[in-house]
Amino acid sequence: MINDIFITERSSFFSGPEELRTFEVTGQLMRMGALQHLSVSDKKRVESLLDEGSTEEAIAYIETLFTKYMWIVIAFAEWCLHCSAVCREHISADLERNLTRKAHALWHKDSTPLAQDEQSAAVLKELFSLFTPEYMTPETVAGYVKDFQEQNPHGVAFTLVKKAQKEKVTCVDSIKNKNTLNAKACFHRLFVDMRTRHDAFAQYTSAYAAVVHQKYGQEKVELLLEKSFSGCSFYDGLFGLATSVAPDQLAAFYAEHLRTHFSGEDRDGKCEVVEDEKSYRLVFNTCGSGGAMRQRMCSIDAQKKYQLPKASPVTWGRENEVPFYCSHCAKNELKYIDMIGYPVAVTEFDPDPHKPCGWTIYKNPHDIPESYFTRLGLKKDPSKFKKSY
């Protein structure tokens, strides 16, 4: 029998013209409005505001997006730092330095496709010179944790985005001076800069997992990915928020999150939200992190090098199909089930890297199909469902 506490009306949350509104749960500005407006990418939205001469609104969007890009880059960098920390503590303290150096060498090689033009090549060169094995110390990790917890944009973590910050200031000044062409050029450079940093750090987590897999096998890779991700400053807050808001709020928050991952066509920051009577489907084609990474691995052999070979809960029971990086989505589902009895965001994973992935948020968890539990090696048990908002 369906528990009445889970029954929700069709949402009016996604309504009205698009604008930046304060998301009451986090207190931060976020894109909100009718779904047809939100289907426009972040980049195209800013460009249209610049073309319209909407000075104040364009500045507000650029300031808001830059802050989100900055913190997601810093969050990824912290995840990378935790890889070496987990290796020291849980895999091999004696071999950590050697494994970290190998991970960096593989990272440099795997990041080559990111250097698509002179600007992105320069960004990569800067990251490689700063983010070295010697940089990855317990002290650096502590600095990143402190910066993230205090939301300090001027601490040790800020060094990763200093140049992008200067580009943002130039962009805003150009808007104020009514120099639309220069503003659009500056915003494009800012966007490419932050996307390159985002992609490079996502790639690093995969490179480190590949090095550990080659030496120790799948069990240690799963340990590495779980503990490095769960050790990050954002982890508890992210899961606390996701299990305390209504489904429509969660869909809006996650859509914003996925746009900040530079998802969508042309990697412009797009996530389509499709609402029906039972759910919100978040469709991202391409997923800006795992999906983009898979597409950069052109050959099947290259993709297999970064896939978990054995079926397990974090591969949704699949063999040789789920990349190291993408397995954290399955792990997130397991975490949600452990916390509240069901996955608040069901991953629609497709082994074909050229097909879209997605997350589905069910308005009533009783409507989540049994198969989404069994693929994780679990049984659907409605008696364990807890109200999540």
Protein backbone atom coordinates (compact mmCIF):
# COMPACT_ATOMS: atom_id res chain seq x y z
CA MET A 1 0.00 0.00 0.00
CA ILE A 2 1.39 3.42 -0.92
CA ASN A 3 2.32 5.57 2.04
CA ASP A 4 0.45 8.90 1.85
CA ILE A 5 3.46 10.93 2.95
CA PHE A 6 5.07 10.33 -0.44
CA ILE A 7 2.19 11.53 -2.58
CA THR A 8 3.01 14.86 -4.26
CA GLU A 9 1.03 17.10 -6.55
CA ARG A 10 2.25 17.96 -10.02
CA SER A 11 4.90 20.64 -9.46
CA SER A 12 4.56 24.35 -10.06
CA PHE A 13 8.23 24.84 -9.17
CA PHE A 14 9.30 24.97 -12.85
CA SER A 15 7.14 27.87 -13.94
CA GLY A 16 7.32 31.42 -15.22
CA PRO A 17 10.01 33.26 -17.16
CA GLU A 18 13.60 32.31 -16.54
CA GLU A 19 15.50 34.35 -13.99
CA LEU A 20 18.08 33.98 -11.29
CA ARG A 21 16.30 33.27 -8.03
CA THR A 22 17.57 32.41 -4.58
CA PHE A 23 17.26 28.68 -3.97
CA GLU A 24 15.75 28.68 -0.50
CA VAL A 25 17.52 25.50 0.57
CA THR A 26 21.08 26.72 -0.11
CA GLY A 27 20.57 30.48 -0.13
CA GLN A 28 22.39 30.69 -3.47
CA LEU A 29 21.26 32.11 -6.81
CA MET A 30 20.17 29.54 -9.36
CA ARG A 31 18.52 29.47 -12.78
CA MET A 32 14.80 28.88 -12.37
CA GLY A 33 11.75 29.08 -14.60
CA ALA A 34 9.66 27.04 -17.01
CA LEU A 35 11.34 23.93 -18.39
CA GLN A 36 11.43 25.20 -21.97
CA HIS A 37 13.54 28.15 -20.82
CA LEU A 38 15.89 26.00 -18.74
CA SER A 39 16.60 23.78 -21.74
CA VAL A 40 18.80 26.60 -23.07
CA SER A 41 22.46 26.08 -22.16
CA ASP A 42 24.31 28.32 -19.71
CA LYS A 43 26.57 29.61 -22.46
CA LYS A 44 23.77 30.43 -24.88
CA ARG A 45 21.76 32.09 -22.11
CA VAL A 46 24.60 34.48 -21.30
CA GLU A 47 25.28 35.18 -24.97
CA SER A 48 21.61 36.04 -25.58
CA LEU A 49 21.63 38.46 -22.64
CA LEU A 50 24.72 40.13 -24.06
CA ASP A 51 23.08 40.42 -27.49
CA GLU A 52 19.98 41.94 -25.89
CA GLY A 53 22.06 44.51 -24.02
CA SER A 54 20.72 43.27 -20.67
CA THR A 55 23.71 44.62 -18.79
CA GLU A 56 22.80 43.99 -15.16
CA GLU A 57 21.27 40.58 -15.82
CA ALA A 58 24.26 39.45 -17.93
CA ILE A 59 26.67 40.48 -15.15
CA ALA A 60 24.56 38.65 -12.55
CA TYR A 61 24.61 35.45 -14.64
CA ILE A 62 28.36 35.63 -15.26
CA GLU A 63 29.13 36.27 -11.58
CA THR A 64 26.82 33.41 -10.53
CA LEU A 65 28.17 30.95 -13.10
CA PHE A 66 31.79 31.82 -12.33
CA THR A 67 31.23 31.09 -8.64
CA LYS A 68 29.69 27.71 -9.48
CA TYR A 69 32.47 26.84 -11.94
CA MET A 70 35.11 27.88 -9.42
CA TRP A 71 33.77 25.66 -6.67
CA ILE A 72 33.23 22.63 -8.91
CA VAL A 73 36.84 22.90 -10.14
CA ILE A 74 38.05 23.17 -6.55
CA ALA A 75 35.83 20.22 -5.55
CA PHE A 76 37.32 18.09 -8.32
CA ALA A 77 40.84 19.12 -7.32
CA GLU A 78 40.13 18.05 -3.75
CA TRP A 79 38.90 14.68 -5.00
CA CYS A 80 42.17 14.30 -6.90
CA LEU A 81 44.16 15.16 -3.77
CA HIS A 82 42.23 12.58 -1.78
CA CYS A 83 43.29 9.88 -4.25
CA SER A 84 46.88 10.03 -3.03
CA ALA A 85 45.73 10.37 0.59
CA VAL A 86 43.57 7.22 0.32
CA CYS A 87 46.41 5.40 -1.40
CA ARG A 88 48.73 6.25 1.51
CA GLU A 89 46.25 5.17 4.16
CA HIS A 90 44.40 2.22 2.65
CA ILE A 91 46.46 0.76 -0.19
CA SER A 92 50.20 1.23 0.20
CA ALA A 93 52.01 3.96 2.10
CA ASP A 94 55.33 2.71 0.70
CA LEU A 95 54.23 2.79 -2.94
CA GLU A 96 52.00 5.87 -2.84
CA ARG A 97 54.63 8.25 -4.21
CA ASN A 98 55.42 5.90 -7.07
CA LEU A 99 51.75 5.33 -7.88
CA THR A 100 51.04 9.05 -7.75
CA ARG A 101 53.89 9.78 -10.18
CA LYS A 102 52.56 7.11 -12.55
CA ALA A 103 49.06 8.58 -12.26
CA HIS A 104 50.40 12.01 -13.19
CA ALA A 105 52.24 10.64 -16.21
CA LEU A 106 49.08 8.87 -17.41
CA TRP A 107 47.03 11.99 -16.66
CA HIS A 108 49.26 14.11 -18.88
CA LYS A 109 48.89 11.58 -21.69
CA ASP A 110 45.11 11.17 -21.32
CA SER A 111 44.55 14.93 -21.17
CA THR A 112 46.15 15.54 -24.57
CA PRO A 113 42.76 15.65 -26.37
CA LEU A 114 41.74 18.54 -24.11
CA ALA A 115 44.28 20.83 -25.76
CA GLN A 116 41.95 21.68 -28.62
CA ASP A 117 43.29 25.19 -29.14
CA GLU A 118 46.00 27.53 -27.94
CA GLN A 119 44.01 28.66 -24.92
CA SER A 120 43.12 25.22 -23.56
CA ALA A 121 46.68 24.04 -24.19
CA ALA A 122 47.94 26.95 -22.06
CA VAL A 123 45.47 26.09 -19.28
CA LEU A 124 46.68 22.48 -19.24
CA LYS A 125 50.31 23.58 -19.13
CA GLU A 126 49.52 25.78 -16.14
CA LEU A 127 47.71 22.95 -14.32
CA PHE A 128 50.49 20.46 -14.99
CA SER A 129 53.09 22.87 -13.62
CA LEU A 130 51.10 23.46 -10.44
CA PHE A 131 49.37 20.14 -9.78
CA THR A 132 52.44 17.93 -9.42
CA PRO A 133 53.06 14.82 -7.28
CA GLU A 134 55.02 17.06 -4.90
CA TYR A 135 51.97 19.31 -4.56
CA MET A 136 49.85 16.41 -3.33
CA THR A 137 50.66 16.42 0.38
CA PRO A 138 48.53 16.10 3.52
CA GLU A 139 49.06 19.83 4.09
CA THR A 140 47.62 20.70 0.68
CA VAL A 141 44.62 18.45 1.31
CA ALA A 142 44.02 20.18 4.65
CA GLY A 143 44.15 23.57 2.92
CA TYR A 144 41.58 22.56 0.34
CA VAL A 145 39.27 21.11 2.97
CA LYS A 146 39.47 24.33 4.99
CA ASP A 147 38.84 26.52 1.93
CA PHE A 148 35.84 24.47 0.85
CA GLN A 149 34.29 24.28 4.30
CA GLU A 150 34.69 28.04 4.79
CA GLN A 151 33.83 28.81 1.13
CA ASN A 152 37.00 30.90 1.05
CA PRO A 153 37.66 32.00 -2.56
CA HIS A 154 41.10 33.39 -1.70
CA GLY A 155 42.80 30.45 0.01
CA VAL A 156 45.23 27.83 -1.30
CA ALA A 157 42.59 26.37 -3.61
CA PHE A 158 42.08 29.73 -5.29
CA THR A 159 45.45 29.42 -7.06
CA LEU A 160 43.78 26.98 -9.47
CA VAL A 161 41.36 29.59 -10.82
CA LYS A 162 43.28 32.87 -10.45
CA LYS A 163 43.65 33.46 -14.19
CA ALA A 164 39.99 32.67 -14.79
CA GLN A 165 39.09 35.20 -12.11
CA LYS A 166 41.00 37.89 -14.00
CA GLU A 167 39.16 36.96 -17.21
CA LYS A 168 35.84 37.26 -15.39
CA VAL A 169 36.72 40.76 -14.17
CA THR A 170 37.68 41.80 -17.71
CA CYS A 171 34.41 40.38 -19.01
CA VAL A 172 32.33 42.29 -16.48
CA ASP A 173 34.22 45.53 -17.18
CA SER A 174 33.56 45.10 -20.92
CA ILE A 175 29.84 44.72 -20.27
CA LYS A 176 29.79 47.85 -18.14
CA ASN A 177 31.60 49.71 -20.92
CA LYS A 178 29.00 48.53 -23.48
CA ASN A 179 31.67 46.63 -25.43
CA THR A 180 29.52 43.63 -26.31
CA LEU A 181 31.94 42.01 -28.75
CA ASN A 182 34.78 42.04 -26.25
CA ALA A 183 32.45 40.85 -23.48
CA LYS A 184 31.36 37.85 -25.57
CA ALA A 185 34.98 37.02 -26.42
CA CYS A 186 35.98 37.28 -22.74
CA PHE A 187 33.08 35.09 -21.64
CA HIS A 188 34.00 32.48 -24.25
CA ARG A 189 37.59 32.42 -22.97
CA LEU A 190 36.35 32.20 -19.38
CA PHE A 191 34.03 29.32 -20.27
CA VAL A 192 36.75 27.37 -22.12
CA ASP A 193 39.22 28.01 -19.28
CA MET A 194 36.95 26.61 -16.57
CA ARG A 195 35.74 23.72 -18.71
CA THR A 196 39.32 22.68 -19.43
CA ARG A 197 40.18 22.72 -15.71
CA HIS A 198 37.02 20.76 -14.90
CA ASP A 199 37.76 18.14 -17.56
CA ALA A 200 41.41 17.79 -16.60
CA PHE A 201 40.66 17.08 -12.95
CA ALA A 202 37.88 14.63 -13.83
CA GLN A 203 40.42 12.86 -16.04
CA TYR A 204 42.90 12.68 -13.17
CA THR A 205 40.56 10.59 -11.01
CA SER A 206 40.30 8.10 -13.87
CA ALA A 207 44.06 8.02 -14.41
CA TYR A 208 44.73 7.34 -10.73
CA ALA A 209 42.15 4.54 -10.73
CA ALA A 210 43.76 3.01 -13.83
CA VAL A 211 47.19 2.93 -12.17
CA VAL A 212 45.78 1.34 -9.01
CA HIS A 213 43.80 -1.18 -11.07
CA GLN A 214 46.87 -2.25 -12.99
CA LYS A 215 48.75 -2.89 -9.75
CA TYR A 216 46.04 -4.15 -7.39
CA GLY A 217 42.86 -4.99 -9.31
CA GLN A 218 39.21 -4.02 -9.06
CA GLU A 219 38.70 -4.37 -5.31
CA LYS A 220 41.28 -1.70 -4.53
CA VAL A 221 39.96 0.57 -7.28
CA GLU A 222 36.48 0.45 -5.76
CA LEU A 223 38.00 1.23 -2.36
CA LEU A 224 40.00 4.12 -3.82
CA LEU A 225 37.01 5.69 -5.58
CA GLU A 226 34.65 5.29 -2.64
CA LYS A 227 36.95 6.69 0.03
CA SER A 228 38.46 9.48 -2.07
CA PHE A 229 35.01 10.74 -3.11
CA SER A 230 33.35 10.32 0.30
CA GLY A 231 36.30 12.03 1.97
CA CYS A 232 35.68 15.30 0.14
CA SER A 233 34.36 18.40 1.92
CA PHE A 234 31.22 18.60 -0.21
CA TYR A 235 30.16 14.98 0.35
CA ASP A 236 28.02 15.13 3.50
CA GLY A 237 26.36 18.39 2.53
CA LEU A 238 25.47 17.07 -0.92
CA PHE A 239 23.82 13.95 0.43
CA GLY A 240 22.16 15.82 3.27
CA LEU A 241 20.58 18.25 0.82
CA ALA A 242 19.51 15.56 -1.63
CA THR A 243 17.62 13.68 1.07
CA SER A 244 15.90 16.69 2.61
CA VAL A 245 14.23 18.50 -0.31
CA ALA A 246 11.11 17.84 -2.37
CA PRO A 247 11.52 16.05 -5.74
CA ASP A 248 10.96 19.20 -7.81
CA GLN A 249 13.56 21.12 -5.79
CA LEU A 250 16.00 18.26 -6.16
CA ALA A 251 15.42 18.13 -9.91
CA ALA A 252 16.13 21.86 -10.18
CA PHE A 253 19.25 21.58 -8.02
CA TYR A 254 20.63 18.59 -9.91
CA ALA A 255 19.89 20.17 -13.30
CA GLU A 256 21.94 23.18 -12.20
CA HIS A 257 24.67 20.85 -10.96
CA LEU A 258 24.79 18.99 -14.28
CA ARG A 259 24.93 22.22 -16.27
CA THR A 260 27.86 23.25 -14.08
CA HIS A 261 29.57 20.03 -15.22
CA PHE A 262 29.45 21.52 -18.75
CA SER A 263 27.00 18.88 -19.95
CA GLY A 264 25.01 18.95 -23.18
CA GLU A 265 25.63 19.48 -26.86
CA ASP A 266 28.91 21.26 -27.51
CA ARG A 267 29.61 21.02 -23.76
CA ASP A 268 27.82 24.35 -23.30
CA GLY A 269 26.15 23.61 -19.97
CA LYS A 270 22.78 22.08 -20.80
CA CYS A 271 20.51 19.62 -19.02
CA GLU A 272 16.99 18.85 -20.23
CA VAL A 273 14.35 18.22 -17.54
CA VAL A 274 11.34 16.15 -18.62
CA GLU A 275 8.44 15.97 -16.17
CA ASP A 276 5.65 13.39 -16.22
CA GLU A 277 3.14 12.19 -13.64
CA LYS A 278 5.65 10.00 -11.82
CA SER A 279 9.06 11.56 -12.23
CA TYR A 280 11.51 14.17 -13.38
CA ARG A 281 13.97 12.87 -15.96
CA LEU A 282 17.23 14.76 -16.25
CA VAL A 283 18.72 14.05 -19.65
CA PHE A 284 22.30 15.10 -20.35
CA ASN A 285 23.75 14.47 -23.75
CA THR A 286 26.65 14.53 -23.30
CA CYS A 287 27.28 14.05 -19.56
CA GLY A 288 29.95 16.67 -18.97
CA SER A 289 32.19 14.51 -16.82
CA GLY A 290 31.99 10.74 -17.37
CA GLY A 291 30.28 10.90 -20.77
CA ALA A 292 32.73 13.44 -22.18
CA MET A 293 35.62 11.41 -20.83
CA ARG A 294 34.32 8.24 -22.51
CA GLN A 295 33.91 10.02 -25.84
CA ARG A 296 37.51 11.22 -25.71
CA MET A 297 38.60 7.58 -25.52
CA CYS A 298 38.07 7.00 -29.23
CA SER A 299 38.78 3.28 -29.56
CA ILE A 300 37.07 0.37 -27.82
CA ASP A 301 40.43 -0.86 -26.54
CA ALA A 302 41.13 2.53 -24.97
CA GLN A 303 37.74 2.52 -23.26
CA LYS A 304 38.24 -0.98 -21.84
CA LYS A 305 41.45 0.16 -20.19
CA TYR A 306 39.33 2.36 -17.93
CA GLN A 307 36.41 0.00 -17.27
CA LEU A 308 35.76 -2.24 -14.30
CA PRO A 309 35.99 -5.80 -15.67
CA LYS A 310 33.94 -7.62 -13.02
CA ALA A 311 30.24 -7.29 -12.33
CA SER A 312 29.57 -5.74 -8.92
CA PRO A 313 27.04 -3.40 -7.28
CA VAL A 314 29.02 -0.33 -8.43
CA THR A 315 28.84 -1.52 -12.06
CA TRP A 316 25.08 -2.19 -11.82
CA GLY A 317 25.93 -5.85 -12.41
CA ARG A 318 27.67 -5.13 -15.74
CA GLU A 319 30.99 -6.55 -16.92
CA ASN A 320 33.50 -4.47 -18.90
CA GLU A 321 31.02 -1.64 -19.53
CA VAL A 322 31.19 0.83 -16.64
CA PRO A 323 34.21 3.15 -16.47
CA PHE A 324 36.04 3.73 -13.20
CA TYR A 325 34.73 7.28 -12.98
CA CYS A 326 31.08 6.47 -13.80
CA SER A 327 30.90 3.85 -11.06
CA HIS A 328 30.54 6.62 -8.47
CA CYS A 329 26.97 7.16 -9.74
CA ALA A 330 26.11 3.60 -8.75
CA LYS A 331 27.87 4.14 -5.43
CA ASN A 332 25.72 7.23 -4.88
CA GLU A 333 22.58 5.13 -5.38
CA LEU A 334 23.85 2.65 -2.79
CA LYS A 335 24.53 5.50 -0.38
CA TYR A 336 21.01 6.85 -0.76
CA ILE A 337 19.49 3.41 -0.21
CA ASP A 338 21.55 3.01 2.94
CA MET A 339 20.37 6.41 4.19
CA ILE A 340 16.67 6.47 3.28
CA GLY A 341 15.86 3.11 1.67
CA TYR A 342 15.78 4.13 -2.01
CA PRO A 343 17.90 5.96 -4.61
CA VAL A 344 16.73 9.56 -4.89
CA ALA A 345 18.35 9.84 -8.33
CA VAL A 346 18.30 6.71 -10.49
CA THR A 347 21.08 6.66 -13.08
CA GLU A 348 20.07 5.85 -16.64
CA PHE A 349 23.48 4.53 -17.72
CA ASP A 350 24.09 3.51 -21.33
CA PRO A 351 27.26 1.57 -22.22
CA ASP A 352 27.34 3.37 -25.57
CA PRO A 353 29.30 6.59 -24.85
CA HIS A 354 27.55 8.35 -27.72
CA LYS A 355 24.10 7.89 -26.23
CA PRO A 356 22.73 10.16 -23.49
CA CYS A 357 22.84 9.30 -19.82
CA GLY A 358 20.35 10.63 -17.30
CA TRP A 359 19.09 10.73 -13.75
CA THR A 360 15.45 10.05 -12.89
CA ILE A 361 13.96 11.48 -9.71
CA TYR A 362 10.72 9.74 -8.77
CA LYS A 363 8.04 11.78 -7.04
CA ASN A 364 7.03 8.73 -5.08
CA PRO A 365 9.77 6.16 -4.29
CA HIS A 366 7.21 3.35 -4.40
CA ASP A 367 7.15 3.91 -8.17
CA ILE A 368 10.86 3.10 -8.55
CA PRO A 369 11.02 -0.20 -10.45
CA GLU A 370 12.38 -3.24 -8.64
CA SER A 371 15.08 -3.63 -11.30
CA TYR A 372 16.85 -0.51 -10.07
CA PHE A 373 17.44 -2.24 -6.75
CA THR A 374 18.31 -5.69 -8.09
CA ARG A 375 21.00 -4.32 -10.41
CA LEU A 376 22.73 -3.08 -7.23
CA GLY A 377 22.46 -6.51 -5.66
CA LEU A 378 19.63 -5.41 -3.33
CA LYS A 379 15.91 -5.99 -2.85
CA LYS A 380 13.31 -3.26 -2.93
CA ASP A 381 12.02 -2.96 0.64
CA PRO A 382 9.33 -0.27 1.04
CA SER A 383 9.30 -0.80 4.80
CA LYS A 384 12.70 0.97 4.89
CA PHE A 385 11.57 4.00 2.89
CA LYS A 386 11.91 7.20 4.89
CA LYS A 387 10.33 10.54 4.11
CA SER A 388 13.05 12.56 2.46
CA TYR A 389 11.59 16.08 2.83
